[in-house]
Amino acid sequence: MFGRLGLPELLIILFLALIIFGPGKLPEVGKALGRTIGEFRKASREAKEEKPAEERQEE
């Protein structure tokens, strides 16, 4: 349904974010988004590592 985002779509999103948040808040929003993505990746990596360990304990 939502294919890959191309350059025009990313530019529109960036422009809208600039209008909504303003140039002063945009770095803070980007930093918060980056932290959120990093925490999500870390949690998913830990879940993947935890799953095989649980499977080994069941055997």
Protein backbone atom coordinates (compact mmCIF):
# COMPACT_ATOMS: atom_id res chain seq x y z
CA MET A 1 0.00 0.00 0.00
CA PHE A 2 2.76 2.45 0.95
CA GLY A 3 5.63 1.83 -1.46
CA ARG A 4 9.08 3.17 -0.90
CA LEU A 5 9.45 6.87 -0.34
CA GLY A 6 11.30 8.68 -3.08
CA LEU A 7 13.11 11.99 -3.02
CA PRO A 8 10.04 14.12 -3.84
CA GLU A 9 8.04 12.56 -1.01
CA LEU A 10 10.87 13.03 1.48
CA LEU A 11 11.24 16.68 0.48
CA ILE A 12 7.51 17.27 0.98
CA ILE A 13 7.64 15.65 4.43
CA LEU A 14 10.69 17.71 5.38
CA PHE A 15 9.02 20.90 4.17
CA LEU A 16 5.85 20.16 6.16
CA ALA A 17 7.88 19.37 9.28
CA LEU A 18 9.74 22.65 8.86
CA ILE A 19 6.46 24.55 8.64
CA ILE A 20 4.85 22.73 11.58
CA PHE A 21 7.77 22.70 14.03
CA GLY A 22 9.81 25.65 12.81
CA PRO A 23 13.56 25.75 12.28
CA GLY A 24 14.32 26.00 16.01
CA LYS A 25 12.50 22.81 17.06
CA LEU A 26 13.39 20.67 14.05
CA PRO A 27 16.79 19.48 15.41
CA GLU A 28 15.14 18.47 18.70
CA VAL A 29 12.43 16.55 16.85
CA GLY A 30 15.06 14.79 14.72
CA LYS A 31 17.10 13.85 17.78
CA ALA A 32 14.04 12.44 19.54
CA LEU A 33 13.06 10.47 16.44
CA GLY A 34 16.60 9.08 16.16
CA ARG A 35 16.58 7.96 19.79
CA THR A 36 13.20 6.30 19.33
CA ILE A 37 14.38 4.38 16.28
CA GLY A 38 17.57 3.35 18.09
CA GLU A 39 15.64 2.06 21.08
CA PHE A 40 13.27 0.14 18.82
CA ARG A 41 16.19 -1.51 16.99
CA LYS A 42 17.86 -2.41 20.29
CA ALA A 43 14.65 -3.94 21.66
CA SER A 44 14.02 -5.95 18.50
CA ARG A 45 17.63 -7.19 18.48
CA GLU A 46 17.34 -8.27 22.12
CA ALA A 47 14.05 -10.03 21.39
CA LYS A 48 15.66 -11.95 18.52
CA GLU A 49 18.55 -13.01 20.76
CA GLU A 50 16.20 -14.00 23.57
CA LYS A 51 13.94 -16.17 21.41
CA PRO A 52 16.56 -18.85 20.48
CA ALA A 53 17.63 -19.06 24.13
CA GLU A 54 14.05 -19.80 25.16
CA GLU A 55 13.75 -22.45 22.45
CA ARG A 56 16.91 -24.18 23.69
CA GLN A 57 15.59 -24.25 27.27
CA GLU A 58 12.37 -25.97 26.17
CA GLU A 59 14.27 -28.90 24.64
